[in-house]
Amino acid sequence: MSIDQATVARIAHLARLKIPDEEQRQTAGELSKILDWVAMLDAVEVAGVEPLANVNDAFLRSRKDVVTDGGKAKDILTNAPASTADFFTVPKVIE
């Protein structure tokens, strides 16, 4: 399929794009090549091919939802500048 400069100007107008006249000729050629490539895809036989959402047809591995690193409150609070009853103590910010 061939696209001419007038078609490019019409598409640019509809898309609210400003394409200078000297670039319209080049754009027409590029769009024609794209449409020729799409036309080649029409020749591909796809009967019986399942649609897919991802090229990797594998499932994600899942793990059990269990806590494995709990019970370290004392270790964590050693980094705190101040703590009270297993909590971080911070200065008051709202008066």
PDB file of N, CA and C in Angstrom:
ATOM      1  N   MET A   1       0.846  -1.173   0.000  1.00  0.00           N
ATOM      2  CA  MET A   1       0.000   0.000   0.000  1.00  0.00           C
ATOM      3  C   MET A   1       0.891   1.237   0.000  1.00  0.00           C
ATOM      4  N   SER A   2       0.492   2.201  -0.761  1.00  0.00           N
ATOM      5  CA  SER A   2       1.288   3.403  -0.885  1.00  0.00           C
ATOM      6  C   SER A   2       0.540   4.594  -0.292  1.00  0.00           C
ATOM      7  N   ILE A   3       1.257   5.375   0.489  1.00  0.00           N
ATOM      8  CA  ILE A   3       0.694   6.587   1.084  1.00  0.00           C
ATOM      9  C   ILE A   3       1.368   7.780   0.433  1.00  0.00           C
ATOM     10  N   ASP A   4       0.557   8.739   0.013  1.00  0.00           N
ATOM     11  CA  ASP A   4       1.130   9.918  -0.628  1.00  0.00           C
ATOM     12  C   ASP A   4       1.230  11.071   0.372  1.00  0.00           C
ATOM     13  N   GLN A   5       1.798  12.143  -0.085  1.00  0.00           N
ATOM     14  CA  GLN A   5       2.049  13.299   0.773  1.00  0.00           C
ATOM     15  C   GLN A   5       0.742  13.938   1.246  1.00  0.00           C
ATOM     16  N   ALA A   6      -0.293  13.905   0.408  1.00  0.00           N
ATOM     17  CA  ALA A   6      -1.582  14.476   0.800  1.00  0.00           C
ATOM     18  C   ALA A   6      -2.206  13.681   1.949  1.00  0.00           C
ATOM     19  N   THR A   7      -2.039  12.355   1.923  1.00  0.00           N
ATOM     20  CA  THR A   7      -2.563  11.524   3.005  1.00  0.00           C
ATOM     21  C   THR A   7      -1.832  11.805   4.309  1.00  0.00           C
ATOM     22  N   VAL A   8      -0.521  11.986   4.219  1.00  0.00           N
ATOM     23  CA  VAL A   8       0.263  12.327   5.410  1.00  0.00           C
ATOM     24  C   VAL A   8      -0.191  13.670   5.971  1.00  0.00           C
ATOM     25  N   ALA A   9      -0.442  14.632   5.093  1.00  0.00           N
ATOM     26  CA  ALA A   9      -0.905  15.943   5.548  1.00  0.00           C
ATOM     27  C   ALA A   9      -2.263  15.828   6.228  1.00  0.00           C
ATOM     28  N   ARG A  10      -3.135  14.981   5.697  1.00  0.00           N
ATOM     29  CA  ARG A  10      -4.470  14.784   6.297  1.00  0.00           C
ATOM     30  C   ARG A  10      -4.348  14.102   7.657  1.00  0.00           C
ATOM     31  N   ILE A  11      -3.518  13.072   7.762  1.00  0.00           N
ATOM     32  CA  ILE A  11      -3.306  12.382   9.037  1.00  0.00           C
ATOM     33  C   ILE A  11      -2.709  13.342  10.061  1.00  0.00           C
ATOM     34  N   ALA A  12      -1.752  14.147   9.643  1.00  0.00           N
ATOM     35  CA  ALA A  12      -1.126  15.115  10.544  1.00  0.00           C
ATOM     36  C   ALA A  12      -2.159  16.128  11.039  1.00  0.00           C
ATOM     37  N   HIS A  13      -3.036  16.554  10.147  1.00  0.00           N
ATOM     38  CA  HIS A  13      -4.083  17.505  10.540  1.00  0.00           C
ATOM     39  C   HIS A  13      -5.026  16.867  11.559  1.00  0.00           C
ATOM     40  N   LEU A  14      -5.446  15.634  11.323  1.00  0.00           N
ATOM     41  CA  LEU A  14      -6.361  14.954  12.238  1.00  0.00           C
ATOM     42  C   LEU A  14      -5.714  14.685  13.599  1.00  0.00           C
ATOM     43  N   ALA A  15      -4.408  14.410  13.579  1.00  0.00           N
ATOM     44  CA  ALA A  15      -3.686  14.140  14.823  1.00  0.00           C
ATOM     45  C   ALA A  15      -3.169  15.406  15.486  1.00  0.00           C
ATOM     46  N   ARG A  16      -3.463  16.553  14.872  1.00  0.00           N
ATOM     47  CA  ARG A  16      -3.003  17.846  15.390  1.00  0.00           C
ATOM     48  C   ARG A  16      -1.486  17.885  15.505  1.00  0.00           C
ATOM     49  N   LEU A  17      -0.820  17.375  14.462  1.00  0.00           N
ATOM     50  CA  LEU A  17       0.635  17.393  14.382  1.00  0.00           C
ATOM     51  C   LEU A  17       1.056  18.378  13.307  1.00  0.00           C
ATOM     52  N   LYS A  18       2.143  19.055  13.539  1.00  0.00           N
ATOM     53  CA  LYS A  18       2.680  19.961  12.530  1.00  0.00           C
ATOM     54  C   LYS A  18       3.896  19.276  11.899  1.00  0.00           C
ATOM     55  N   ILE A  19       3.716  18.801  10.692  1.00  0.00           N
ATOM     56  CA  ILE A  19       4.807  18.159   9.955  1.00  0.00           C
ATOM     57  C   ILE A  19       5.136  19.057   8.769  1.00  0.00           C
ATOM     58  N   PRO A  20       6.349  19.586   8.719  1.00  0.00           N
ATOM     59  CA  PRO A  20       6.737  20.451   7.589  1.00  0.00           C
ATOM     60  C   PRO A  20       6.629  19.701   6.260  1.00  0.00           C
ATOM     61  N   ASP A  21       6.423  20.457   5.180  1.00  0.00           N
ATOM     62  CA  ASP A  21       6.240  19.858   3.856  1.00  0.00           C
ATOM     63  C   ASP A  21       7.410  18.979   3.437  1.00  0.00           C
ATOM     64  N   GLU A  22       8.636  19.396   3.776  1.00  0.00           N
ATOM     65  CA  GLU A  22       9.799  18.596   3.366  1.00  0.00           C
ATOM     66  C   GLU A  22       9.866  17.267   4.124  1.00  0.00           C
ATOM     67  N   GLU A  23       9.275  17.197   5.320  1.00  0.00           N
ATOM     68  CA  GLU A  23       9.283  15.943   6.080  1.00  0.00           C
ATOM     69  C   GLU A  23       8.102  15.052   5.708  1.00  0.00           C
ATOM     70  N   GLN A  24       7.077  15.604   5.103  1.00  0.00           N
ATOM     71  CA  GLN A  24       5.900  14.813   4.738  1.00  0.00           C
ATOM     72  C   GLN A  24       6.238  13.749   3.702  1.00  0.00           C
ATOM     73  N   ARG A  25       7.127  14.067   2.776  1.00  0.00           N
ATOM     74  CA  ARG A  25       7.523  13.102   1.751  1.00  0.00           C
ATOM     75  C   ARG A  25       8.244  11.917   2.398  1.00  0.00           C
ATOM     76  N   GLN A  26       9.154  12.211   3.326  1.00  0.00           N
ATOM     77  CA  GLN A  26       9.887  11.155   4.024  1.00  0.00           C
ATOM     78  C   GLN A  26       8.935  10.338   4.895  1.00  0.00           C
ATOM     79  N   THR A  27       8.020  11.010   5.573  1.00  0.00           N
ATOM     80  CA  THR A  27       7.063  10.317   6.431  1.00  0.00           C
ATOM     81  C   THR A  27       6.151   9.416   5.607  1.00  0.00           C
ATOM     82  N   ALA A  28       5.772   9.861   4.423  1.00  0.00           N
ATOM     83  CA  ALA A  28       4.942   9.041   3.538  1.00  0.00           C
ATOM     84  C   ALA A  28       5.665   7.745   3.176  1.00  0.00           C
ATOM     85  N   GLY A  29       6.952   7.842   2.884  1.00  0.00           N
ATOM     86  CA  GLY A  29       7.729   6.643   2.568  1.00  0.00           C
ATOM     87  C   GLY A  29       7.823   5.694   3.748  1.00  0.00           C
ATOM     88  N   GLU A  30       8.039   6.244   4.938  1.00  0.00           N
ATOM     89  CA  GLU A  30       8.151   5.400   6.123  1.00  0.00           C
ATOM     90  C   GLU A  30       6.824   4.721   6.448  1.00  0.00           C
ATOM     91  N   LEU A  31       5.729   5.470   6.345  1.00  0.00           N
ATOM     92  CA  LEU A  31       4.421   4.873   6.607  1.00  0.00           C
ATOM     93  C   LEU A  31       4.076   3.809   5.579  1.00  0.00           C
ATOM     94  N   SER A  32       4.469   4.022   4.321  1.00  0.00           N
ATOM     95  CA  SER A  32       4.234   3.014   3.284  1.00  0.00           C
ATOM     96  C   SER A  32       4.992   1.727   3.599  1.00  0.00           C
ATOM     97  N   LYS A  33       6.227   1.849   4.064  1.00  0.00           N
ATOM     98  CA  LYS A  33       7.012   0.660   4.429  1.00  0.00           C
ATOM     99  C   LYS A  33       6.368  -0.080   5.595  1.00  0.00           C
ATOM    100  N   ILE A  34       5.859   0.670   6.568  1.00  0.00           N
ATOM    101  CA  ILE A  34       5.202   0.043   7.718  1.00  0.00           C
ATOM    102  C   ILE A  34       3.956  -0.711   7.269  1.00  0.00           C
ATOM    103  N   LEU A  35       3.144  -0.093   6.401  1.00  0.00           N
ATOM    104  CA  LEU A  35       1.930  -0.759   5.922  1.00  0.00           C
ATOM    105  C   LEU A  35       2.256  -1.967   5.049  1.00  0.00           C
ATOM    106  N   ASP A  36       3.347  -1.907   4.294  1.00  0.00           N
ATOM    107  CA  ASP A  36       3.773  -3.073   3.514  1.00  0.00           C
ATOM    108  C   ASP A  36       4.173  -4.214   4.443  1.00  0.00           C
ATOM    109  N   TRP A  37       4.849  -3.891   5.532  1.00  0.00           N
ATOM    110  CA  TRP A  37       5.249  -4.913   6.505  1.00  0.00           C
ATOM    111  C   TRP A  37       4.013  -5.535   7.164  1.00  0.00           C
ATOM    112  N   VAL A  38       3.020  -4.721   7.496  1.00  0.00           N
ATOM    113  CA  VAL A  38       1.786  -5.236   8.090  1.00  0.00           C
ATOM    114  C   VAL A  38       1.057  -6.124   7.087  1.00  0.00           C
ATOM    115  N   ALA A  39       1.091  -5.752   5.822  1.00  0.00           N
ATOM    116  CA  ALA A  39       0.457  -6.571   4.787  1.00  0.00           C
ATOM    117  C   ALA A  39       1.138  -7.931   4.677  1.00  0.00           C
ATOM    118  N   MET A  40       2.459  -7.986   4.894  1.00  0.00           N
ATOM    119  CA  MET A  40       3.164  -9.267   4.874  1.00  0.00           C
ATOM    120  C   MET A  40       2.699 -10.151   6.023  1.00  0.00           C
ATOM    121  N   LEU A  41       2.318  -9.557   7.140  1.00  0.00           N
ATOM    122  CA  LEU A  41       1.834 -10.353   8.267  1.00  0.00           C
ATOM    123  C   LEU A  41       0.506 -11.033   7.956  1.00  0.00           C
ATOM    124  N   ASP A  42      -0.273 -10.456   7.024  1.00  0.00           N
ATOM    125  CA  ASP A  42      -1.530 -11.086   6.631  1.00  0.00           C
ATOM    126  C   ASP A  42      -1.303 -12.437   5.968  1.00  0.00           C
ATOM    127  N   ALA A  43      -0.128 -12.646   5.412  1.00  0.00           N
ATOM    128  CA  ALA A  43       0.163 -13.902   4.723  1.00  0.00           C
ATOM    129  C   ALA A  43       0.524 -15.025   5.689  1.00  0.00           C
ATOM    130  N   VAL A  44       0.755 -14.711   6.937  1.00  0.00           N
ATOM    131  CA  VAL A  44       1.147 -15.724   7.920  1.00  0.00           C
ATOM    132  C   VAL A  44      -0.081 -16.552   8.295  1.00  0.00           C
ATOM    133  N   GLU A  45       0.073 -17.871   8.287  1.00  0.00           N
ATOM    134  CA  GLU A  45      -1.012 -18.776   8.640  1.00  0.00           C
ATOM    135  C   GLU A  45      -1.088 -18.884  10.161  1.00  0.00           C
ATOM    136  N   VAL A  46      -2.190 -18.445  10.742  1.00  0.00           N
ATOM    137  CA  VAL A  46      -2.336 -18.445  12.198  1.00  0.00           C
ATOM    138  C   VAL A  46      -3.522 -19.283  12.668  1.00  0.00           C
ATOM    139  N   ALA A  47      -4.101 -20.058  11.782  1.00  0.00           N
ATOM    140  CA  ALA A  47      -5.230 -20.901  12.182  1.00  0.00           C
ATOM    141  C   ALA A  47      -4.759 -21.934  13.205  1.00  0.00           C
ATOM    142  N   GLY A  48      -5.479 -22.030  14.284  1.00  0.00           N
ATOM    143  CA  GLY A  48      -5.147 -23.002  15.318  1.00  0.00           C
ATOM    144  C   GLY A  48      -4.087 -22.539  16.303  1.00  0.00           C
ATOM    145  N   VAL A  49      -3.622 -21.317  16.188  1.00  0.00           N
ATOM    146  CA  VAL A  49      -2.610 -20.805  17.109  1.00  0.00           C
ATOM    147  C   VAL A  49      -3.320 -20.144  18.285  1.00  0.00           C
ATOM    148  N   GLU A  50      -2.998 -20.585  19.472  1.00  0.00           N
ATOM    149  CA  GLU A  50      -3.611 -20.033  20.675  1.00  0.00           C
ATOM    150  C   GLU A  50      -3.052 -18.639  20.947  1.00  0.00           C
ATOM    151  N   PRO A  51      -3.918 -17.678  21.281  1.00  0.00           N
ATOM    152  CA  PRO A  51      -3.395 -16.365  21.669  1.00  0.00           C
ATOM    153  C   PRO A  51      -2.682 -16.471  23.008  1.00  0.00           C
ATOM    154  N   LEU A  52      -1.639 -15.673  23.185  1.00  0.00           N
ATOM    155  CA  LEU A  52      -0.938 -15.714  24.449  1.00  0.00           C
ATOM    156  C   LEU A  52      -0.623 -14.310  24.923  1.00  0.00           C
ATOM    157  N   ALA A  53      -0.545 -14.173  26.236  1.00  0.00           N
ATOM    158  CA  ALA A  53      -0.291 -12.865  26.822  1.00  0.00           C
ATOM    159  C   ALA A  53       1.178 -12.682  27.143  1.00  0.00           C
ATOM    160  N   ASN A  54       1.940 -13.761  27.157  1.00  0.00           N
ATOM    161  CA  ASN A  54       3.339 -13.682  27.517  1.00  0.00           C
ATOM    162  C   ASN A  54       4.091 -14.753  26.740  1.00  0.00           C
ATOM    163  N   VAL A  55       5.272 -14.439  26.276  1.00  0.00           N
ATOM    164  CA  VAL A  55       6.041 -15.425  25.528  1.00  0.00           C
ATOM    165  C   VAL A  55       6.547 -16.545  26.423  1.00  0.00           C
ATOM    166  N   ASN A  56       6.699 -16.265  27.691  1.00  0.00           N
ATOM    167  CA  ASN A  56       7.073 -17.308  28.644  1.00  0.00           C
ATOM    168  C   ASN A  56       5.788 -17.909  29.190  1.00  0.00           C
ATOM    169  N   ASP A  57       5.489 -19.109  28.766  1.00  0.00           N
ATOM    170  CA  ASP A  57       4.227 -19.730  29.145  1.00  0.00           C
ATOM    171  C   ASP A  57       4.371 -20.494  30.467  1.00  0.00           C
ATOM    172  N   ALA A  58       5.227 -20.016  31.347  1.00  0.00           N
ATOM    173  CA  ALA A  58       5.449 -20.684  32.620  1.00  0.00           C
ATOM    174  C   ALA A  58       4.732 -19.922  33.733  1.00  0.00           C
ATOM    175  N   PHE A  59       4.467 -20.635  34.786  1.00  0.00           N
ATOM    176  CA  PHE A  59       3.832 -20.013  35.943  1.00  0.00           C
ATOM    177  C   PHE A  59       4.902 -19.572  36.932  1.00  0.00           C
ATOM    178  N   LEU A  60       4.596 -18.539  37.688  1.00  0.00           N
ATOM    179  CA  LEU A  60       5.536 -18.083  38.698  1.00  0.00           C
ATOM    180  C   LEU A  60       5.559 -19.063  39.868  1.00  0.00           C
ATOM    181  N   ARG A  61       6.738 -19.287  40.373  1.00  0.00           N
ATOM    182  CA  ARG A  61       6.834 -20.146  41.541  1.00  0.00           C
ATOM    183  C   ARG A  61       6.301 -19.390  42.743  1.00  0.00           C
ATOM    184  N   SER A  62       5.616 -20.067  43.594  1.00  0.00           N
ATOM    185  CA  SER A  62       5.114 -19.419  44.803  1.00  0.00           C
ATOM    186  C   SER A  62       5.706 -20.116  46.017  1.00  0.00           C
ATOM    187  N   ARG A  63       5.757 -19.383  47.084  1.00  0.00           N
ATOM    188  CA  ARG A  63       6.285 -19.939  48.328  1.00  0.00           C
ATOM    189  C   ARG A  63       5.225 -19.802  49.396  1.00  0.00           C
ATOM    190  N   LYS A  64       5.415 -20.504  50.485  1.00  0.00           N
ATOM    191  CA  LYS A  64       4.473 -20.416  51.588  1.00  0.00           C
ATOM    192  C   LYS A  64       4.637 -19.073  52.276  1.00  0.00           C
ATOM    193  N   ASP A  65       3.538 -18.509  52.680  1.00  0.00           N
ATOM    194  CA  ASP A  65       3.541 -17.201  53.321  1.00  0.00           C
ATOM    195  C   ASP A  65       3.763 -17.379  54.822  1.00  0.00           C
ATOM    196  N   VAL A  66       5.016 -17.502  55.200  1.00  0.00           N
ATOM    197  CA  VAL A  66       5.359 -17.689  56.613  1.00  0.00           C
ATOM    198  C   VAL A  66       6.429 -16.672  57.003  1.00  0.00           C
ATOM    199  N   VAL A  67       6.404 -16.253  58.251  1.00  0.00           N
ATOM    200  CA  VAL A  67       7.412 -15.332  58.762  1.00  0.00           C
ATOM    201  C   VAL A  67       8.654 -16.148  59.086  1.00  0.00           C
ATOM    202  N   THR A  68       9.786 -15.738  58.514  1.00  0.00           N
ATOM    203  CA  THR A  68      11.013 -16.505  58.728  1.00  0.00           C
ATOM    204  C   THR A  68      12.073 -15.720  59.476  1.00  0.00           C
ATOM    205  N   ASP A  69      11.869 -14.416  59.667  1.00  0.00           N
ATOM    206  CA  ASP A  69      12.912 -13.632  60.303  1.00  0.00           C
ATOM    207  C   ASP A  69      12.373 -12.786  61.461  1.00  0.00           C
ATOM    208  N   GLY A  70      11.335 -13.241  62.105  1.00  0.00           N
ATOM    209  CA  GLY A  70      10.768 -12.496  63.222  1.00  0.00           C
ATOM    210  C   GLY A  70      11.565 -12.702  64.512  1.00  0.00           C
ATOM    211  N   GLY A  71      11.152 -12.013  65.546  1.00  0.00           N
ATOM    212  CA  GLY A  71      11.793 -12.178  66.845  1.00  0.00           C
ATOM    213  C   GLY A  71      13.120 -11.469  66.965  1.00  0.00           C
ATOM    214  N   LYS A  72      13.366 -10.444  66.202  1.00  0.00           N
ATOM    215  CA  LYS A  72      14.643  -9.739  66.242  1.00  0.00           C
ATOM    216  C   LYS A  72      14.473  -8.294  66.688  1.00  0.00           C
ATOM    217  N   ALA A  73      13.456  -8.030  67.487  1.00  0.00           N
ATOM    218  CA  ALA A  73      13.192  -6.658  67.916  1.00  0.00           C
ATOM    219  C   ALA A  73      14.387  -6.082  68.676  1.00  0.00           C
ATOM    220  N   LYS A  74      14.994  -6.852  69.524  1.00  0.00           N
ATOM    221  CA  LYS A  74      16.148  -6.360  70.304  1.00  0.00           C
ATOM    222  C   LYS A  74      17.320  -6.004  69.378  1.00  0.00           C
ATOM    223  N   ASP A  75      17.566  -6.835  68.376  1.00  0.00           N
ATOM    224  CA  ASP A  75      18.656  -6.555  67.433  1.00  0.00           C
ATOM    225  C   ASP A  75      18.384  -5.282  66.638  1.00  0.00           C
ATOM    226  N   ILE A  76      17.127  -5.094  66.230  1.00  0.00           N
ATOM    227  CA  ILE A  76      16.765  -3.919  65.441  1.00  0.00           C
ATOM    228  C   ILE A  76      16.870  -2.659  66.290  1.00  0.00           C
ATOM    229  N   LEU A  77      16.420  -2.728  67.537  1.00  0.00           N
ATOM    230  CA  LEU A  77      16.422  -1.556  68.404  1.00  0.00           C
ATOM    231  C   LEU A  77      17.826  -1.145  68.840  1.00  0.00           C
ATOM    232  N   THR A  78      18.821  -1.974  68.628  1.00  0.00           N
ATOM    233  CA  THR A  78      20.185  -1.576  68.973  1.00  0.00           C
ATOM    234  C   THR A  78      20.663  -0.451  68.055  1.00  0.00           C
ATOM    235  N   ASN A  79      20.062  -0.310  66.867  1.00  0.00           N
ATOM    236  CA  ASN A  79      20.426   0.757  65.935  1.00  0.00           C
ATOM    237  C   ASN A  79      19.670   2.050  66.205  1.00  0.00           C
ATOM    238  N   ALA A  80      18.643   1.999  67.032  1.00  0.00           N
ATOM    239  CA  ALA A  80      17.822   3.181  67.282  1.00  0.00           C
ATOM    240  C   ALA A  80      18.532   4.131  68.237  1.00  0.00           C
ATOM    241  N   PRO A  81      18.402   5.455  68.016  1.00  0.00           N
ATOM    242  CA  PRO A  81      19.004   6.406  68.945  1.00  0.00           C
ATOM    243  C   PRO A  81      18.332   6.361  70.319  1.00  0.00           C
ATOM    244  N   ALA A  82      17.019   6.062  70.332  1.00  0.00           N
ATOM    245  CA  ALA A  82      16.302   5.932  71.605  1.00  0.00           C
ATOM    246  C   ALA A  82      15.150   4.960  71.401  1.00  0.00           C
ATOM    247  N   SER A  83      14.819   4.203  72.459  1.00  0.00           N
ATOM    248  CA  SER A  83      13.711   3.252  72.374  1.00  0.00           C
ATOM    249  C   SER A  83      13.025   3.165  73.729  1.00  0.00           C
ATOM    250  N   THR A  84      11.746   2.807  73.664  1.00  0.00           N
ATOM    251  CA  THR A  84      10.951   2.626  74.869  1.00  0.00           C
ATOM    252  C   THR A  84      10.047   1.423  74.647  1.00  0.00           C
ATOM    253  N   ALA A  85      10.167   0.403  75.481  1.00  0.00           N
ATOM    254  CA  ALA A  85       9.309  -0.789  75.461  1.00  0.00           C
ATOM    255  C   ALA A  85       9.210  -1.395  74.055  1.00  0.00           C
ATOM    256  N   ASP A  86      10.317  -1.737  73.472  1.00  0.00           N
ATOM    257  CA  ASP A  86      10.392  -2.374  72.151  1.00  0.00           C
ATOM    258  C   ASP A  86       9.860  -1.516  71.004  1.00  0.00           C
ATOM    259  N   PHE A  87       9.882  -0.182  71.156  1.00  0.00           N
ATOM    260  CA  PHE A  87       9.464   0.733  70.101  1.00  0.00           C
ATOM    261  C   PHE A  87      10.532   1.796  69.915  1.00  0.00           C
ATOM    262  N   PHE A  88      10.614   2.339  68.706  1.00  0.00           N
ATOM    263  CA  PHE A  88      11.492   3.468  68.465  1.00  0.00           C
ATOM    264  C   PHE A  88      10.903   4.689  69.160  1.00  0.00           C
ATOM    265  N   THR A  89      11.735   5.487  69.801  1.00  0.00           N
ATOM    266  CA  THR A  89      11.292   6.739  70.411  1.00  0.00           C
ATOM    267  C   THR A  89      11.815   7.875  69.536  1.00  0.00           C
ATOM    268  N   VAL A  90      10.886   8.747  69.098  1.00  0.00           N
ATOM    269  CA  VAL A  90      11.242   9.859  68.230  1.00  0.00           C
ATOM    270  C   VAL A  90      10.789  11.153  68.887  1.00  0.00           C
ATOM    271  N   PRO A  91      11.402  12.285  68.539  1.00  0.00           N
ATOM    272  CA  PRO A  91      10.976  13.545  69.104  1.00  0.00           C
ATOM    273  C   PRO A  91       9.571  13.911  68.627  1.00  0.00           C
ATOM    274  N   LYS A  92       8.868  14.653  69.442  1.00  0.00           N
ATOM    275  CA  LYS A  92       7.517  15.087  69.107  1.00  0.00           C
ATOM    276  C   LYS A  92       7.600  16.132  67.978  1.00  0.00           C
ATOM    277  N   VAL A  93       6.757  15.950  66.947  1.00  0.00           N
ATOM    278  CA  VAL A  93       6.782  16.870  65.822  1.00  0.00           C
ATOM    279  C   VAL A  93       5.500  17.718  65.758  1.00  0.00           C
ATOM    280  N   ILE A  94       4.443  17.293  66.359  1.00  0.00           N
ATOM    281  CA  ILE A  94       3.184  18.035  66.338  1.00  0.00           C
ATOM    282  C   ILE A  94       2.953  18.612  67.722  1.00  0.00           C
ATOM    283  N   GLU A  95       2.654  19.901  67.771  1.00  0.00           N
ATOM    284  CA  GLU A  95       2.432  20.521  69.066  1.00  0.00           C
ATOM    285  C   GLU A  95       0.967  20.656  69.362  1.00  0.00           C
TER     286      GLU A  95
END
